[in-house]
């Protein structure tokens, strides 16, 4: 099977990228909430103490201060664990940032189930859902080191409120030097006609590895990285859906309110119907364990994703036959509709 080269944690790339650009941009400012260590911003604070604001364990103050600084023209990057940033400070995100249209770059660190054994209090499987309900804030979830670097560079001069989500674990490289990154434009990684994984963030890598497994079985499996949840790349989504027999969304988030729900609603409204499956965290208390163990439990490993894809393809043939027969019966003169 094809393999992928392991890179760095995306949070490391955020730190390295900001260190590079802060030398030449006097407006860069980092605000942290007792999280410079976990955010990998310790070196930034040493080199640029005048560009670092520490507010302590006070997420609501962090967002309010970031919004105020942004209103003066500062390019503010506000760091806090994603679970706390989007829960404790949700009102400030809604009013001080989004409603007030302040271009704060909200950085949710240790996102998804990155905190592992610390449990549900520290998991952020709600953040994409709650932020999608708030008008005027874009949402970016990079999949690898390339997407992370490009995302940070893209938001330096961004004029809109934006939330970026990153995990702690080293992540596989997915793109080559010819890849183009643009906010709001999904990146097709592998083309496939039988089934396509529509993935976001750190679940893109296992989807790619699952695609390799399926290719060995003669299944044409595509993978698309939807690094931007808002604005959603509807054009690419509809195109992929039209050219695939079945679709699976993959996310390190609740299956409610995140990528899967958004994709399903978009396809339904467009009148595109395909065998479809959402893979993510179900409506239950998340099991305790490492991120890898949690991924395994909820079917987010390459092997589990490949198995789910095969099952969906196998059932789709029967399902399509059943729907067709049911419709034929409904249209008969003496059918149930009469």
Foldseek 3Di string as FASTA:
>chain_A
DDDFAWFAFLLCLLQVLCVVCCVPDVQEAEEEAPCCVVSVNPVVCVVCVVRYHYDYNDLQVQLLVQLVSLVVVHAYEYEDALLCNCPVNVVSCQVSAFVVFRAYEYEHEQAQCQVFQVFDSRYHQCRLQSVVVGPFEWEFADAANVQSSVVSVQSSVPRTHYYYYTHHGTATDQDDPPDDDDAQDKAKRFDFQAEEEEEEHNLQVQQVLLCVVVVVVVHGYTYIYQRIQPVHNLVVLVVNLVRYQEYEYEYSHECPRHDNVVSVVSCVVVVRDHQYYYFYDYPDGQDGGHPVVSCVVRQSGSVSVNVVSVVSSVVRVVVVVVVVVLVVQCPDPPHPVD
